[in-house]
């Protein structure tokens, strides 16, 4: 499965990868320090903790690296095709409440600011819908009634977008 990034989102995600690699190296270094000169790992709580941190950091780095290897760079559209798709800002009515979402690629997401991945459940359910369309969406354990109110293209750098997220 390719992971879709905007050009700027890909740049940002490469920085996330660089930081994750640094954190992995630091966690490995801490593991060596905790083991000490005698490589004492037996009944060594500090070593166990550092080893767990190194494992978590390595797993995170592996996940980030896999996304970058399978990355597909796709700029956001400059014009609207009149449907909800990757690179659009959509205003939905969800169970009677207005919610605005920017549907973005990896590296640009921030759900607290209303920028959600194209793989998010509400985004997937809204894809290819037009203004006025109603549909049901499974969001977590709940079935929600949704209506598309507006569809707009995103600005070139989506991080400049402010939405009325929930």
Foldseek 3Di string as FASTA:
>chain_A
DAFEAAVVLLVLLVVVLVVLVVQLVVLVVQLDVQCPPVNNPPPRPSNVVSVVSNVVSVVVSVVSVVNNVRYDHDFADPFDPQAQDEQKWWWKQKQNRTAIAHAYTHSQDDLVQRYHHCPAQVNVQRGGDGAQDWDWTCHPPDIIIMGTHDMGGADRRNVVDGTPHD
